[in-house]
Every structure is written in C-alpha cells, then in structure tokens.
Amino acid sequence: LAHFDMVRLYAHSWAKGSDALGVPVILKTDKTAQEKPARNTVAEVY
C-alpha cells in the first residue's frame, strides 16, 4: 500500500510509460543509515 500510494503520487501513470521513474523500492531497512537508493521504474514498483 505504501509503495503503491507513493508511486501514484510522485510518478506518472503506467499508461504514460511504465519505464519512467517511479519511487525507490525498499525491501530491507538499512540499519547503517547509509543507503541512498535511486528511483526504480514504475514497472518495477508495480
């Protein structure tokens, strides 16, 4: 739900282009606080 709501808000829609930039997909909390993730594509988020 969190990833979906953010990709809807901060990225263009699937219909406009699923290869466009979405939001970072985060599957593990970085306990060192050093991670600087790039944006995944809309398709990767979905």
All heavy atoms as atom14 arrays in JSON, in Angstrom:
{
  "sequence": "LAHFDMVRLYAHSWAKGSDALGVPVILKTDKTAQEKPARNTVAEVY",
  "atom14_mask": [
    [1, 1, 1, 1, 1, 1, 1, 1, 0, 0, 0, 0, 0, 0],
    [1, 1, 1, 1, 1, 0, 0, 0, 0, 0, 0, 0, 0, 0],
    [1, 1, 1, 1, 1, 1, 1, 1, 1, 1, 0, 0, 0, 0],
    [1, 1, 1, 1, 1, 1, 1, 1, 1, 1, 1, 0, 0, 0],
    [1, 1, 1, 1, 1, 1, 1, 1, 0, 0, 0, 0, 0, 0],
    [1, 1, 1, 1, 1, 1, 1, 1, 0, 0, 0, 0, 0, 0],
    [1, 1, 1, 1, 1, 1, 1, 0, 0, 0, 0, 0, 0, 0],
    [1, 1, 1, 1, 1, 1, 1, 1, 1, 1, 1, 0, 0, 0],
    [1, 1, 1, 1, 1, 1, 1, 1, 0, 0, 0, 0, 0, 0],
    [1, 1, 1, 1, 1, 1, 1, 1, 1, 1, 1, 1, 0, 0],
    [1, 1, 1, 1, 1, 0, 0, 0, 0, 0, 0, 0, 0, 0],
    [1, 1, 1, 1, 1, 1, 1, 1, 1, 1, 0, 0, 0, 0],
    [1, 1, 1, 1, 1, 1, 0, 0, 0, 0, 0, 0, 0, 0],
    [1, 1, 1, 1, 1, 1, 1, 1, 1, 1, 1, 1, 1, 1],
    [1, 1, 1, 1, 1, 0, 0, 0, 0, 0, 0, 0, 0, 0],
    [1, 1, 1, 1, 1, 1, 1, 1, 1, 0, 0, 0, 0, 0],
    [1, 1, 1, 1, 0, 0, 0, 0, 0, 0, 0, 0, 0, 0],
    [1, 1, 1, 1, 1, 1, 0, 0, 0, 0, 0, 0, 0, 0],
    [1, 1, 1, 1, 1, 1, 1, 1, 0, 0, 0, 0, 0, 0],
    [1, 1, 1, 1, 1, 0, 0, 0, 0, 0, 0, 0, 0, 0],
    [1, 1, 1, 1, 1, 1, 1, 1, 0, 0, 0, 0, 0, 0],
    [1, 1, 1, 1, 0, 0, 0, 0, 0, 0, 0, 0, 0, 0],
    [1, 1, 1, 1, 1, 1, 1, 0, 0, 0, 0, 0, 0, 0],
    [1, 1, 1, 1, 1, 1, 1, 0, 0, 0, 0, 0, 0, 0],
    [1, 1, 1, 1, 1, 1, 1, 0, 0, 0, 0, 0, 0, 0],
    [1, 1, 1, 1, 1, 1, 1, 1, 0, 0, 0, 0, 0, 0],
    [1, 1, 1, 1, 1, 1, 1, 1, 0, 0, 0, 0, 0, 0],
    [1, 1, 1, 1, 1, 1, 1, 1, 1, 0, 0, 0, 0, 0],
    [1, 1, 1, 1, 1, 1, 1, 0, 0, 0, 0, 0, 0, 0],
    [1, 1, 1, 1, 1, 1, 1, 1, 0, 0, 0, 0, 0, 0],
    [1, 1, 1, 1, 1, 1, 1, 1, 1, 0, 0, 0, 0, 0],
    [1, 1, 1, 1, 1, 1, 1, 0, 0, 0, 0, 0, 0, 0],
    [1, 1, 1, 1, 1, 0, 0, 0, 0, 0, 0, 0, 0, 0],
    [1, 1, 1, 1, 1, 1, 1, 1, 1, 0, 0, 0, 0, 0],
    [1, 1, 1, 1, 1, 1, 1, 1, 1, 0, 0, 0, 0, 0],
    [1, 1, 1, 1, 1, 1, 1, 1, 1, 0, 0, 0, 0, 0],
    [1, 1, 1, 1, 1, 1, 1, 0, 0, 0, 0, 0, 0, 0],
    [1, 1, 1, 1, 1, 0, 0, 0, 0, 0, 0, 0, 0, 0],
    [1, 1, 1, 1, 1, 1, 1, 1, 1, 1, 1, 0, 0, 0],
    [1, 1, 1, 1, 1, 1, 1, 1, 0, 0, 0, 0, 0, 0],
    [1, 1, 1, 1, 1, 1, 1, 0, 0, 0, 0, 0, 0, 0],
    [1, 1, 1, 1, 1, 1, 1, 0, 0, 0, 0, 0, 0, 0],
    [1, 1, 1, 1, 1, 0, 0, 0, 0, 0, 0, 0, 0, 0],
    [1, 1, 1, 1, 1, 1, 1, 1, 1, 0, 0, 0, 0, 0],
    [1, 1, 1, 1, 1, 1, 1, 0, 0, 0, 0, 0, 0, 0],
    [1, 1, 1, 1, 1, 1, 1, 1, 1, 1, 1, 1, 0, 0]
  ],
  "atom14_positions": [
    [[0.83, -1.2, 0.0], [0.0, 0.0, 0.0], [0.86, 1.25, 0.0], [0.58, 2.22, -0.74], [-0.93, -0.01, 1.21], [-1.88, 1.19, 1.34], [-2.89, 1.2, 0.2], [-2.6, 1.17, 2.7], [0.0, 0.0, 0.0], [0.0, 0.0, 0.0], [0.0, 0.0, 0.0], [0.0, 0.0, 0.0], [0.0, 0.0, 0.0], [0.0, 0.0, 0.0]],
    [[1.92, 1.27, 0.81], [2.79, 2.44, 0.88], [3.5, 2.68, -0.45], [3.52, 3.81, -0.96], [3.81, 2.27, 2.01], [0.0, 0.0, 0.0], [0.0, 0.0, 0.0], [0.0, 0.0, 0.0], [0.0, 0.0, 0.0], [0.0, 0.0, 0.0], [0.0, 0.0, 0.0], [0.0, 0.0, 0.0], [0.0, 0.0, 0.0], [0.0, 0.0, 0.0]],
    [[4.09, 1.64, -1.03], [4.75, 1.8, -2.32], [3.75, 2.24, -3.4], [4.05, 3.1, -4.23], [5.4, 0.48, -2.75], [6.74, 0.22, -2.13], [6.99, -0.87, -1.33], [7.91, 0.9, -2.2], [8.25, -0.85, -0.94], [8.83, 0.22, -1.45], [0.0, 0.0, 0.0], [0.0, 0.0, 0.0], [0.0, 0.0, 0.0], [0.0, 0.0, 0.0]],
    [[2.56, 1.66, -3.38], [1.56, 1.96, -4.4], [1.08, 3.4, -4.31], [1.0, 4.12, -5.32], [0.38, 0.99, -4.28], [-0.71, 1.21, -5.29], [-0.45, 1.12, -6.65], [-2.0, 1.5, -4.88], [-1.47, 1.32, -7.59], [-3.02, 1.7, -5.8], [-2.75, 1.61, -7.17], [0.0, 0.0, 0.0], [0.0, 0.0, 0.0], [0.0, 0.0, 0.0]],
    [[0.76, 3.86, -3.1], [0.3, 5.23, -2.94], [1.38, 6.23, -3.33], [1.09, 7.27, -3.94], [-0.16, 5.47, -1.5], [-1.53, 4.88, -1.22], [-2.23, 4.5, -2.18], [-1.9, 4.78, -0.03], [0.0, 0.0, 0.0], [0.0, 0.0, 0.0], [0.0, 0.0, 0.0], [0.0, 0.0, 0.0], [0.0, 0.0, 0.0], [0.0, 0.0, 0.0]],
    [[2.63, 5.93, -3.02], [3.7, 6.85, -3.37], [3.97, 6.88, -4.87], [4.22, 7.94, -5.44], [4.96, 6.53, -2.59], [4.88, 6.91, -1.12], [6.47, 6.85, -0.26], [6.79, 5.09, -0.27], [0.0, 0.0, 0.0], [0.0, 0.0, 0.0], [0.0, 0.0, 0.0], [0.0, 0.0, 0.0], [0.0, 0.0, 0.0], [0.0, 0.0, 0.0]],
    [[3.92, 5.72, -5.53], [4.17, 5.72, -6.97], [3.02, 6.41, -7.71], [3.24, 7.03, -8.76], [4.42, 4.3, -7.5], [3.12, 3.51, -7.71], [5.23, 4.33, -8.79], [0.0, 0.0, 0.0], [0.0, 0.0, 0.0], [0.0, 0.0, 0.0], [0.0, 0.0, 0.0], [0.0, 0.0, 0.0], [0.0, 0.0, 0.0], [0.0, 0.0, 0.0]],
    [[1.81, 6.34, -7.16], [0.7, 7.07, -7.78], [0.9, 8.58, -7.66], [0.56, 9.33, -8.57], [-0.62, 6.72, -7.1], [-1.12, 5.31, -7.35], [-2.57, 5.16, -6.94], [-2.8, 5.39, -5.52], [-3.96, 5.75, -5.0], [-5.02, 5.94, -5.78], [-4.1, 5.92, -3.69], [0.0, 0.0, 0.0], [0.0, 0.0, 0.0], [0.0, 0.0, 0.0]],
    [[1.47, 9.02, -6.56], [1.57, 10.44, -6.26], [2.81, 11.08, -6.87], [2.75, 12.19, -7.42], [1.58, 10.64, -4.74], [1.37, 12.06, -4.24], [-0.03, 12.56, -4.59], [1.58, 12.13, -2.73], [0.0, 0.0, 0.0], [0.0, 0.0, 0.0], [0.0, 0.0, 0.0], [0.0, 0.0, 0.0], [0.0, 0.0, 0.0], [0.0, 0.0, 0.0]],
    [[3.96, 10.41, -6.77], [5.23, 11.01, -7.17], [5.73, 10.56, -8.54], [6.84, 10.91, -8.93], [6.31, 10.69, -6.13], [6.06, 11.26, -4.76], [5.72, 10.43, -3.68], [6.16, 12.62, -4.52], [5.51, 10.95, -2.42], [5.94, 13.15, -3.26], [5.62, 12.31, -2.21], [5.4, 12.82, -0.96], [0.0, 0.0, 0.0], [0.0, 0.0, 0.0]],
    [[4.94, 9.79, -9.27], [5.37, 9.32, -10.59], [4.21, 9.4, -11.56], [3.04, 9.46, -11.16], [5.88, 7.88, -10.51], [0.0, 0.0, 0.0], [0.0, 0.0, 0.0], [0.0, 0.0, 0.0], [0.0, 0.0, 0.0], [0.0, 0.0, 0.0], [0.0, 0.0, 0.0], [0.0, 0.0, 0.0], [0.0, 0.0, 0.0], [0.0, 0.0, 0.0]],
    [[4.51, 9.42, -12.83], [3.47, 9.39, -13.85], [2.89, 7.98, -13.94], [3.48, 7.0, -13.47], [4.04, 9.85, -15.19], [4.33, 11.32, -15.23], [3.33, 12.27, -15.32], [5.5, 12.01, -15.16], [3.87, 13.48, -15.32], [5.18, 13.35, -15.22], [0.0, 0.0, 0.0], [0.0, 0.0, 0.0], [0.0, 0.0, 0.0], [0.0, 0.0, 0.0]],
    [[1.74, 7.88, -14.55], [0.98, 6.63, -14.54], [1.61, 5.57, -15.43], [2.42, 5.87, -16.32], [-0.45, 6.89, -15.02], [-0.45, 7.24, -16.4], [0.0, 0.0, 0.0], [0.0, 0.0, 0.0], [0.0, 0.0, 0.0], [0.0, 0.0, 0.0], [0.0, 0.0, 0.0], [0.0, 0.0, 0.0], [0.0, 0.0, 0.0], [0.0, 0.0, 0.0]],
    [[1.19, 4.34, -15.2], [1.59, 3.22, -16.04], [1.26, 3.5, -17.5], [2.05, 3.21, -18.4], [0.86, 1.96, -15.56], [1.15, 0.73, -16.35], [0.6, 0.37, -17.56], [2.06, -0.33, -16.01], [1.11, -0.83, -17.99], [2.02, -1.28, -17.05], [2.9, -0.55, -14.92], [2.78, -2.44, -17.03], [3.66, -1.71, -14.9], [3.6, -2.64, -15.94]],
    [[0.09, 4.08, -17.75], [-0.34, 4.34, -19.12], [0.58, 5.32, -19.83], [0.78, 5.24, -21.05], [-1.77, 4.89, -19.13], [0.0, 0.0, 0.0], [0.0, 0.0, 0.0], [0.0, 0.0, 0.0], [0.0, 0.0, 0.0], [0.0, 0.0, 0.0], [0.0, 0.0, 0.0], [0.0, 0.0, 0.0], [0.0, 0.0, 0.0], [0.0, 0.0, 0.0]],
    [[1.17, 6.25, -19.1], [2.05, 7.23, -19.71], [3.4, 6.62, -20.05], [4.09, 7.08, -20.96], [2.22, 8.44, -18.79], [2.96, 9.59, -19.44], [2.88, 10.85, -18.63], [3.57, 12.01, -19.35], [3.46, 13.27, -18.6], [0.0, 0.0, 0.0], [0.0, 0.0, 0.0], [0.0, 0.0, 0.0], [0.0, 0.0, 0.0], [0.0, 0.0, 0.0]],
    [[3.82, 5.58, -19.32], [5.09, 4.93, -19.61], [5.61, 4.18, -18.4], [6.04, 4.8, -17.43], [0.0, 0.0, 0.0], [0.0, 0.0, 0.0], [0.0, 0.0, 0.0], [0.0, 0.0, 0.0], [0.0, 0.0, 0.0], [0.0, 0.0, 0.0], [0.0, 0.0, 0.0], [0.0, 0.0, 0.0], [0.0, 0.0, 0.0], [0.0, 0.0, 0.0]],
    [[5.54, 2.85, -18.45], [5.94, 2.05, -17.29], [7.45, 2.04, -17.08], [7.91, 1.62, -16.02], [5.44, 0.61, -17.44], [5.99, 0.01, -18.6], [0.0, 0.0, 0.0], [0.0, 0.0, 0.0], [0.0, 0.0, 0.0], [0.0, 0.0, 0.0], [0.0, 0.0, 0.0], [0.0, 0.0, 0.0], [0.0, 0.0, 0.0], [0.0, 0.0, 0.0]],
    [[8.22, 2.52, -18.06], [9.67, 2.57, -17.91], [10.14, 3.89, -17.32], [11.34, 4.11, -17.14], [10.36, 2.32, -19.25], [9.96, 3.32, -20.32], [8.94, 4.04, -20.12], [10.64, 3.39, -21.36], [0.0, 0.0, 0.0], [0.0, 0.0, 0.0], [0.0, 0.0, 0.0], [0.0, 0.0, 0.0], [0.0, 0.0, 0.0], [0.0, 0.0, 0.0]],
    [[9.21, 4.78, -17.01], [9.55, 6.06, -16.38], [9.95, 5.83, -14.92], [9.7, 4.77, -14.34], [8.38, 7.01, -16.47], [0.0, 0.0, 0.0], [0.0, 0.0, 0.0], [0.0, 0.0, 0.0], [0.0, 0.0, 0.0], [0.0, 0.0, 0.0], [0.0, 0.0, 0.0], [0.0, 0.0, 0.0], [0.0, 0.0, 0.0], [0.0, 0.0, 0.0]],
    [[10.53, 6.86, -14.3], [10.97, 6.76, -12.92], [9.78, 6.71, -11.97], [8.85, 7.52, -12.08], [11.88, 7.92, -12.55], [13.25, 7.94, -13.22], [14.03, 9.19, -12.8], [14.05, 6.69, -12.88], [0.0, 0.0, 0.0], [0.0, 0.0, 0.0], [0.0, 0.0, 0.0], [0.0, 0.0, 0.0], [0.0, 0.0, 0.0], [0.0, 0.0, 0.0]],
    [[9.82, 5.75, -11.03], [8.8, 5.64, -10.0], [9.33, 6.13, -8.67], [9.75, 7.29, -8.53], [0.0, 0.0, 0.0], [0.0, 0.0, 0.0], [0.0, 0.0, 0.0], [0.0, 0.0, 0.0], [0.0, 0.0, 0.0], [0.0, 0.0, 0.0], [0.0, 0.0, 0.0], [0.0, 0.0, 0.0], [0.0, 0.0, 0.0], [0.0, 0.0, 0.0]],
    [[9.34, 5.28, -7.68], [9.9, 5.58, -6.36], [10.84, 4.44, -5.98], [10.75, 3.35, -6.56], [8.8, 5.75, -5.29], [7.91, 6.94, -5.61], [7.98, 4.48, -5.14], [0.0, 0.0, 0.0], [0.0, 0.0, 0.0], [0.0, 0.0, 0.0], [0.0, 0.0, 0.0], [0.0, 0.0, 0.0], [0.0, 0.0, 0.0], [0.0, 0.0, 0.0]],
    [[11.76, 4.65, -5.03], [12.63, 3.55, -4.61], [11.84, 2.41, -3.98], [10.95, 2.64, -3.16], [13.56, 4.21, -3.58], [13.53, 5.66, -3.9], [12.12, 5.92, -4.38], [0.0, 0.0, 0.0], [0.0, 0.0, 0.0], [0.0, 0.0, 0.0], [0.0, 0.0, 0.0], [0.0, 0.0, 0.0], [0.0, 0.0, 0.0], [0.0, 0.0, 0.0]],
    [[12.15, 1.2, -4.38], [11.58, 0.01, -3.75], [12.52, -0.41, -2.62], [13.69, -0.72, -2.85], [11.43, -1.14, -4.77], [11.02, -2.43, -4.07], [10.41, -0.77, -5.83], [0.0, 0.0, 0.0], [0.0, 0.0, 0.0], [0.0, 0.0, 0.0], [0.0, 0.0, 0.0], [0.0, 0.0, 0.0], [0.0, 0.0, 0.0], [0.0, 0.0, 0.0]],
    [[12.0, -0.4, -1.4], [12.82, -0.71, -0.23], [12.28, -1.97, 0.43], [11.16, -2.0, 0.94], [12.81, 0.45, 0.79], [13.26, 1.75, 0.11], [13.69, 0.12, 1.99], [14.67, 1.71, -0.43], [0.0, 0.0, 0.0], [0.0, 0.0, 0.0], [0.0, 0.0, 0.0], [0.0, 0.0, 0.0], [0.0, 0.0, 0.0], [0.0, 0.0, 0.0]],
    [[13.08, -3.03, 0.42], [12.66, -4.33, 0.95], [13.42, -4.71, 2.22], [13.11, -5.74, 2.83], [12.88, -5.43, -0.11], [12.22, -5.18, -1.47], [12.49, -6.34, -2.41], [10.72, -4.95, -1.31], [0.0, 0.0, 0.0], [0.0, 0.0, 0.0], [0.0, 0.0, 0.0], [0.0, 0.0, 0.0], [0.0, 0.0, 0.0], [0.0, 0.0, 0.0]],
    [[14.35, -3.89, 2.6], [15.13, -4.17, 3.81], [15.56, -2.84, 4.41], [16.06, -1.96, 3.7], [16.36, -5.03, 3.48], [17.14, -5.53, 4.69], [18.27, -6.45, 4.24], [19.1, -6.95, 5.41], [18.32, -7.83, 6.28], [0.0, 0.0, 0.0], [0.0, 0.0, 0.0], [0.0, 0.0, 0.0], [0.0, 0.0, 0.0], [0.0, 0.0, 0.0]],
    [[15.36, -2.69, 5.71], [15.73, -1.46, 6.37], [17.24, -1.39, 6.53], [17.88, -2.32, 7.02], [15.08, -1.36, 7.77], [13.65, -1.38, 7.59], [15.49, -0.1, 8.48], [0.0, 0.0, 0.0], [0.0, 0.0, 0.0], [0.0, 0.0, 0.0], [0.0, 0.0, 0.0], [0.0, 0.0, 0.0], [0.0, 0.0, 0.0], [0.0, 0.0, 0.0]],
    [[17.82, -0.28, 6.1], [19.27, -0.08, 6.19], [19.62, 0.42, 7.59], [19.45, 1.59, 7.89], [19.72, 0.92, 5.13], [21.2, 1.23, 5.23], [21.93, 0.41, 5.79], [21.6, 2.31, 4.75], [0.0, 0.0, 0.0], [0.0, 0.0, 0.0], [0.0, 0.0, 0.0], [0.0, 0.0, 0.0], [0.0, 0.0, 0.0], [0.0, 0.0, 0.0]],
    [[20.1, -0.47, 8.42], [20.38, -0.12, 9.82], [21.64, 0.73, 9.98], [21.9, 1.28, 11.03], [20.49, -1.39, 10.67], [19.18, -2.19, 10.74], [19.34, -3.42, 11.61], [18.0, -4.12, 11.8], [17.41, -4.61, 10.56], [0.0, 0.0, 0.0], [0.0, 0.0, 0.0], [0.0, 0.0, 0.0], [0.0, 0.0, 0.0], [0.0, 0.0, 0.0]],
    [[22.42, 0.85, 8.92], [23.61, 1.7, 8.99], [23.3, 3.13, 8.58], [24.13, 4.01, 8.71], [24.72, 1.16, 8.05], [24.27, 1.28, 6.7], [25.03, -0.29, 8.36], [0.0, 0.0, 0.0], [0.0, 0.0, 0.0], [0.0, 0.0, 0.0], [0.0, 0.0, 0.0], [0.0, 0.0, 0.0], [0.0, 0.0, 0.0], [0.0, 0.0, 0.0]],
    [[22.1, 3.36, 8.09], [21.65, 4.69, 7.67], [22.54, 5.26, 6.58], [22.71, 6.47, 6.48], [21.59, 5.63, 8.88], [0.0, 0.0, 0.0], [0.0, 0.0, 0.0], [0.0, 0.0, 0.0], [0.0, 0.0, 0.0], [0.0, 0.0, 0.0], [0.0, 0.0, 0.0], [0.0, 0.0, 0.0], [0.0, 0.0, 0.0], [0.0, 0.0, 0.0]],
    [[23.1, 4.41, 5.75], [23.98, 4.88, 4.69], [23.37, 4.72, 3.3], [23.9, 5.25, 2.33], [25.31, 4.09, 4.73], [26.1, 4.28, 6.02], [26.48, 5.73, 6.26], [26.96, 6.4, 5.36], [26.22, 6.21, 7.46], [0.0, 0.0, 0.0], [0.0, 0.0, 0.0], [0.0, 0.0, 0.0], [0.0, 0.0, 0.0], [0.0, 0.0, 0.0]],
    [[22.28, 3.99, 3.19], [21.72, 3.72, 1.88], [21.13, 4.97, 1.25], [20.45, 5.75, 1.9], [20.63, 2.64, 1.98], [20.08, 2.22, 0.64], [19.05, 1.12, 0.78], [18.58, 0.88, 1.9], [18.73, 0.51, -0.24], [0.0, 0.0, 0.0], [0.0, 0.0, 0.0], [0.0, 0.0, 0.0], [0.0, 0.0, 0.0], [0.0, 0.0, 0.0]],
    [[21.44, 5.18, -0.02], [20.88, 6.29, -0.77], [20.28, 5.71, -2.06], [20.9, 5.75, -3.12], [21.94, 7.34, -1.09], [22.47, 8.06, 0.15], [23.45, 9.15, -0.22], [23.92, 9.89, 1.03], [24.86, 10.99, 0.68], [0.0, 0.0, 0.0], [0.0, 0.0, 0.0], [0.0, 0.0, 0.0], [0.0, 0.0, 0.0], [0.0, 0.0, 0.0]],
    [[19.08, 5.16, -1.96], [18.52, 4.43, -3.09], [18.1, 5.34, -4.24], [17.63, 6.46, -4.02], [17.3, 3.74, -2.48], [16.9, 4.64, -1.36], [18.18, 5.18, -0.8], [0.0, 0.0, 0.0], [0.0, 0.0, 0.0], [0.0, 0.0, 0.0], [0.0, 0.0, 0.0], [0.0, 0.0, 0.0], [0.0, 0.0, 0.0], [0.0, 0.0, 0.0]],
    [[18.28, 4.86, -5.44], [17.77, 5.55, -6.62], [16.31, 5.14, -6.84], [15.81, 4.2, -6.22], [18.62, 5.19, -7.84], [0.0, 0.0, 0.0], [0.0, 0.0, 0.0], [0.0, 0.0, 0.0], [0.0, 0.0, 0.0], [0.0, 0.0, 0.0], [0.0, 0.0, 0.0], [0.0, 0.0, 0.0], [0.0, 0.0, 0.0], [0.0, 0.0, 0.0]],
    [[15.65, 5.84, -7.73], [14.26, 5.54, -8.04], [14.18, 4.31, -8.95], [14.88, 4.24, -9.96], [13.6, 6.74, -8.71], [13.53, 7.97, -7.84], [13.04, 9.19, -8.62], [11.64, 9.08, -9.02], [10.98, 10.02, -9.68], [11.6, 11.13, -10.04], [9.71, 9.84, -10.01], [0.0, 0.0, 0.0], [0.0, 0.0, 0.0], [0.0, 0.0, 0.0]],
    [[13.34, 3.37, -8.6], [13.02, 2.27, -9.51], [12.06, 2.76, -10.57], [11.43, 3.82, -10.43], [12.41, 1.11, -8.74], [13.41, 0.4, -7.85], [13.66, 0.82, -6.72], [14.01, -0.66, -8.35], [0.0, 0.0, 0.0], [0.0, 0.0, 0.0], [0.0, 0.0, 0.0], [0.0, 0.0, 0.0], [0.0, 0.0, 0.0], [0.0, 0.0, 0.0]],
    [[11.91, 2.0, -11.63], [10.93, 2.37, -12.65], [9.52, 2.1, -12.14], [9.31, 1.35, -11.18], [11.15, 1.58, -13.94], [10.86, 0.2, -13.7], [12.56, 1.75, -14.47], [0.0, 0.0, 0.0], [0.0, 0.0, 0.0], [0.0, 0.0, 0.0], [0.0, 0.0, 0.0], [0.0, 0.0, 0.0], [0.0, 0.0, 0.0], [0.0, 0.0, 0.0]],
    [[8.54, 2.71, -12.8], [7.15, 2.47, -12.47], [6.84, 0.98, -12.57], [6.19, 0.4, -11.68], [6.23, 3.28, -13.41], [4.77, 2.85, -13.26], [6.38, 4.77, -13.12], [0.0, 0.0, 0.0], [0.0, 0.0, 0.0], [0.0, 0.0, 0.0], [0.0, 0.0, 0.0], [0.0, 0.0, 0.0], [0.0, 0.0, 0.0], [0.0, 0.0, 0.0]],
    [[7.33, 0.32, -13.61], [7.08, -1.11, -13.79], [7.67, -1.92, -12.65], [7.03, -2.87, -12.15], [7.66, -1.59, -15.12], [0.0, 0.0, 0.0], [0.0, 0.0, 0.0], [0.0, 0.0, 0.0], [0.0, 0.0, 0.0], [0.0, 0.0, 0.0], [0.0, 0.0, 0.0], [0.0, 0.0, 0.0], [0.0, 0.0, 0.0], [0.0, 0.0, 0.0]],
    [[8.86, -1.57, -12.2], [9.5, -2.31, -11.1], [8.72, -2.13, -9.8], [8.59, -3.06, -9.01], [10.94, -1.84, -10.94], [11.86, -2.31, -12.06], [13.21, -1.63, -12.05], [13.35, -0.54, -11.44], [14.15, -2.19, -12.66], [0.0, 0.0, 0.0], [0.0, 0.0, 0.0], [0.0, 0.0, 0.0], [0.0, 0.0, 0.0], [0.0, 0.0, 0.0]],
    [[8.2, -0.93, -9.57], [7.41, -0.7, -8.36], [6.14, -1.55, -8.41], [5.78, -2.22, -7.43], [7.06, 0.79, -8.19], [6.2, 0.99, -6.94], [8.32, 1.63, -8.09], [0.0, 0.0, 0.0], [0.0, 0.0, 0.0], [0.0, 0.0, 0.0], [0.0, 0.0, 0.0], [0.0, 0.0, 0.0], [0.0, 0.0, 0.0], [0.0, 0.0, 0.0]],
    [[5.44, -1.54, -9.53], [4.21, -2.32, -9.67], [4.5, -3.82, -9.52], [3.71, -4.55, -8.9], [3.54, -2.04, -11.01], [2.6, -0.87, -10.96], [3.06, 0.43, -11.08], [1.23, -1.07, -10.8], [2.19, 1.52, -11.05], [0.35, -0.01, -10.76], [0.84, 1.29, -10.88], [-0.03, 2.36, -10.83], [0.0, 0.0, 0.0], [0.0, 0.0, 0.0]]
  ]
}
